[in-house]
Protein backbone atom coordinates (compact mmCIF):
# COMPACT_ATOMS: atom_id res chain seq x y z
CA MET A 1 -13.45 -48.43 -37.64
CA THR A 2 -11.23 -45.37 -37.84
CA THR A 3 -9.86 -43.65 -34.82
CA THR A 4 -9.15 -39.96 -34.88
CA VAL A 5 -6.64 -38.50 -32.50
CA THR A 6 -7.52 -35.07 -31.23
CA PRO A 7 -4.87 -32.82 -29.79
CA PRO A 8 -5.10 -32.30 -26.03
CA ASN A 9 -7.43 -29.52 -24.99
CA LYS A 10 -5.33 -26.69 -23.69
CA GLY A 11 -8.41 -24.79 -22.58
CA PRO A 12 -8.49 -21.08 -21.86
CA GLN A 13 -5.37 -19.59 -20.44
CA GLY A 14 -5.80 -19.65 -16.71
CA LEU A 15 -4.85 -17.15 -14.10
CA PHE A 16 -1.44 -18.79 -13.56
CA ASN A 17 -0.74 -19.81 -17.14
CA ARG A 18 -0.26 -16.57 -19.03
CA PRO A 19 2.51 -15.62 -21.43
CA ARG A 20 5.41 -14.04 -19.61
CA LYS A 21 6.06 -10.36 -20.31
CA GLU A 22 9.27 -8.39 -19.93
CA PHE A 23 9.83 -6.29 -16.82
CA VAL A 24 9.47 -2.54 -17.14
CA HIS A 25 12.70 -0.59 -17.50
CA PRO A 26 14.18 -0.02 -14.01
CA TYR A 27 14.50 3.74 -14.50
CA PHE A 28 10.84 3.95 -15.49
CA GLY A 29 9.85 1.82 -12.50
CA GLY A 30 11.95 3.99 -10.21
CA ALA A 31 10.37 7.15 -11.58
CA VAL A 32 6.86 5.74 -11.04
CA LEU A 33 7.79 4.68 -7.50
CA GLY A 34 9.13 8.18 -6.83
CA ILE A 35 5.88 9.73 -8.04
CA VAL A 36 3.82 7.33 -5.89
CA LEU A 37 5.97 8.13 -2.85
CA PHE A 38 5.69 11.87 -3.48
CA LEU A 39 1.91 11.61 -3.82
CA ALA A 40 1.67 9.49 -0.66
CA ILE A 41 3.60 12.05 1.37
CA PHE A 42 1.85 15.03 -0.25
CA LEU A 43 -1.71 13.68 0.06
CA THR A 44 -1.57 11.77 3.34
CA GLY A 45 1.46 13.09 5.18
CA ASN A 46 2.74 9.51 5.41
CA GLY A 47 5.28 7.61 3.37
CA LEU A 48 5.25 3.99 2.32
CA GLY A 49 5.86 0.99 4.55
CA SER A 50 4.62 -2.45 5.49
CA SER A 51 5.88 -3.76 8.82
CA GLY A 52 3.57 -1.48 10.80
CA ALA A 53 0.59 -3.16 9.15
CA THR A 54 1.72 -6.66 10.12
CA THR A 55 2.16 -5.44 13.70
CA ARG A 56 -1.34 -3.99 13.65
CA ILE A 57 -2.79 -7.20 12.22
CA ALA A 58 -1.03 -9.19 14.96
CA ALA A 59 -2.34 -6.75 17.60
CA PHE A 60 -5.86 -7.13 16.17
CA LEU A 61 -5.64 -10.93 16.38
CA GLU A 62 -4.19 -10.81 19.88
CA ASP A 63 -6.94 -8.42 20.95
CA LEU A 64 -9.50 -10.99 19.78
CA VAL A 65 -7.89 -13.77 21.82
CA ALA A 66 -6.50 -11.98 24.89
CA PRO A 67 -7.85 -8.43 25.22
CA ALA A 68 -6.79 -8.18 28.89
CA HIS A 69 -3.18 -8.84 27.90
CA VAL A 70 -3.34 -6.17 25.19
CA ASP A 71 -4.71 -3.66 27.72
CA GLN A 72 -1.74 -4.36 30.04
CA THR A 73 1.05 -4.24 27.42
CA PRO A 74 2.22 -0.68 26.68
CA TYR A 75 3.41 -1.51 23.14
CA LEU A 76 0.06 -3.06 22.19
CA LEU A 77 -2.02 -0.60 24.22
CA LYS A 78 -1.12 2.21 21.81
CA MET A 79 -2.62 0.25 18.90
CA ALA A 80 -5.38 -1.90 20.31
CA GLY A 81 -6.01 -1.01 23.93
CA GLY A 82 -9.53 -0.30 25.16
CA ASP A 83 -11.86 0.73 22.33
CA LYS A 84 -9.04 1.36 19.81
CA GLN A 85 -9.30 -0.45 16.49
CA PRO A 86 -5.80 -1.55 15.39
CA LEU A 87 -6.83 -1.94 11.75
CA ASP A 88 -7.99 1.70 11.60
CA ASP A 89 -4.69 3.11 10.37
CA TRP A 90 -3.39 4.33 7.02
CA ILE A 91 -0.76 1.60 6.77
CA VAL A 92 -3.22 -1.33 6.72
CA PRO A 93 -4.82 -0.41 3.36
CA VAL A 94 -1.33 0.34 2.00
CA PHE A 95 -0.24 -3.17 3.04
CA PHE A 96 -3.21 -4.92 1.42
CA GLY A 97 -2.96 -2.65 -1.63
CA ALA A 98 0.68 -3.67 -2.08
CA LEU A 99 -0.27 -7.35 -1.81
CA LEU A 100 -3.10 -6.96 -4.30
CA GLY A 101 -1.02 -4.78 -6.63
CA GLY A 102 1.91 -7.20 -6.57
CA PHE A 103 -0.37 -10.16 -7.26
CA THR A 104 -2.15 -8.30 -10.08
CA SER A 105 1.17 -7.30 -11.60
CA GLY A 106 2.34 -10.91 -11.41
CA VAL A 107 -0.80 -12.15 -13.15
CA ILE A 108 -0.65 -9.50 -15.88
CA GLY A 109 3.08 -10.09 -16.39
CA GLY A 110 2.68 -13.87 -16.51
CA ARG A 111 4.80 -14.43 -13.41
CA ALA A 112 2.13 -15.59 -10.94
CA LYS A 113 2.59 -19.29 -10.34
CA PHE A 114 3.11 -21.77 -7.56
CA GLU A 115 6.79 -22.60 -7.39
CA THR A 116 9.66 -22.84 -4.95
CA THR A 117 12.70 -20.97 -6.19
CA LYS A 118 15.79 -22.68 -4.83
CA GLY A 119 19.12 -24.17 -5.70
CA PRO A 120 19.60 -27.85 -6.57
CA ASN A 121 21.37 -28.66 -3.28
CA ILE A 122 18.48 -27.97 -0.92
CA SER A 123 15.07 -29.51 -0.37
CA ASN A 124 11.80 -27.65 -0.71
CA ARG A 125 11.11 -28.15 2.99
CA MET A 126 14.45 -26.61 4.02
CA ARG A 127 13.96 -23.69 1.61
CA TRP A 128 10.52 -22.97 3.06
CA THR A 129 11.82 -23.33 6.63
CA MET A 130 14.70 -20.93 6.01
CA SER A 131 12.38 -18.46 4.26
CA PHE A 132 9.95 -18.56 7.18
CA LEU A 133 12.71 -18.09 9.77
CA GLY A 134 14.31 -15.31 7.74
CA GLY A 135 10.96 -13.56 7.43
CA ILE A 136 10.38 -13.73 11.18
CA LEU A 137 13.86 -12.37 11.93
CA PHE A 138 13.50 -9.63 9.35
CA LEU A 139 10.08 -8.55 10.64
CA TYR A 140 11.38 -8.49 14.22
CA GLY A 141 14.36 -6.42 13.10
CA ALA A 142 12.07 -4.11 11.14
CA ARG A 143 10.03 -3.39 14.24
CA MET A 144 13.21 -2.78 16.26
CA ALA A 145 14.41 -0.37 13.56
CA ARG A 146 10.99 1.34 13.56
CA GLY A 147 10.35 0.45 9.94
CA CYS A 148 10.90 -2.08 7.19
CA THR A 149 13.08 -1.59 4.14
CA SER A 150 10.34 0.19 2.25
CA GLY A 151 9.62 2.48 5.17
CA GLN A 152 13.27 3.11 5.96
CA ALA A 153 14.72 3.32 2.46
CA LEU A 154 11.86 5.01 0.66
CA SER A 155 10.19 7.18 3.26
CA GLY A 156 13.15 7.78 5.58
CA GLY A 157 15.68 8.01 2.77
CA THR A 158 13.51 10.51 0.93
CA THR A 159 13.47 12.80 3.95
CA LEU A 160 17.25 12.28 4.35
CA ALA A 161 16.81 10.82 7.84
CA ALA A 162 20.28 9.76 9.03
CA GLY A 163 18.83 6.82 11.00
CA SER A 164 17.15 5.46 7.88
CA TRP A 165 20.38 5.61 5.91
CA LEU A 166 22.20 3.86 8.76
CA VAL A 167 19.55 1.11 8.93
CA MET A 168 19.73 0.55 5.17
CA PHE A 169 23.52 0.25 5.22
CA ALA A 170 23.16 -2.23 8.09
CA ILE A 171 20.53 -4.23 6.18
CA PHE A 172 22.63 -4.45 3.03
CA GLY A 173 25.79 -5.17 5.01
CA GLY A 174 24.01 -7.90 6.96
CA ALA A 175 22.63 -9.38 3.75
CA TYR A 176 26.05 -9.48 2.10
CA GLY A 177 27.59 -10.93 5.25
CA MET A 178 24.93 -13.64 5.53
CA ALA A 179 24.85 -14.51 1.82
CA TYR A 180 27.92 -16.72 2.05
CA PHE A 181 26.35 -18.89 4.74
CA VAL A 182 22.98 -19.37 3.00
CA ARG A 183 24.24 -19.60 -0.57
CA LYS A 184 23.11 -23.25 -0.81
CA LEU A 185 19.53 -21.98 -0.84
CA TRP A 186 20.13 -20.61 -4.34
CA LEU A 187 23.27 -22.18 -5.82
């Protein structure tokens, strides 16, 4: 009796197992982003941003659970009070479009995969905990600053808003200042 050894079946390349492609040139990417931002402002009168959408999604969820509280809170009342629909705003489709576009780009470029990027001196659990806490702090700060980095840097910076430039210098300064203390997450 002869036994034949067949090579393992690699199957069709899956969604998360594609060959990795090079990034586009940063100047080309910047030019495309500038065109997209120009078209957004020209066609809709609004720039680009994301934190406003997460606030509206949170207001929508809170309105489902505690509508009386939403109707009594001035900040939430503007978005979801009474018969207002918090998801009926230009920024919500921009938010989901950015998520879908980023995921699609990752799949096409062969970068979409499940992984935890971290340094060797930290556990996965600690990396995820720090990422979650950092995200919460950053989103809270973005709402205090009346916009996230994309809203402040792209939209505000484009219109030469002094407050946007100040916020971006503060964000980068804070990031550089904090980097020393959280370097174990990457090194």
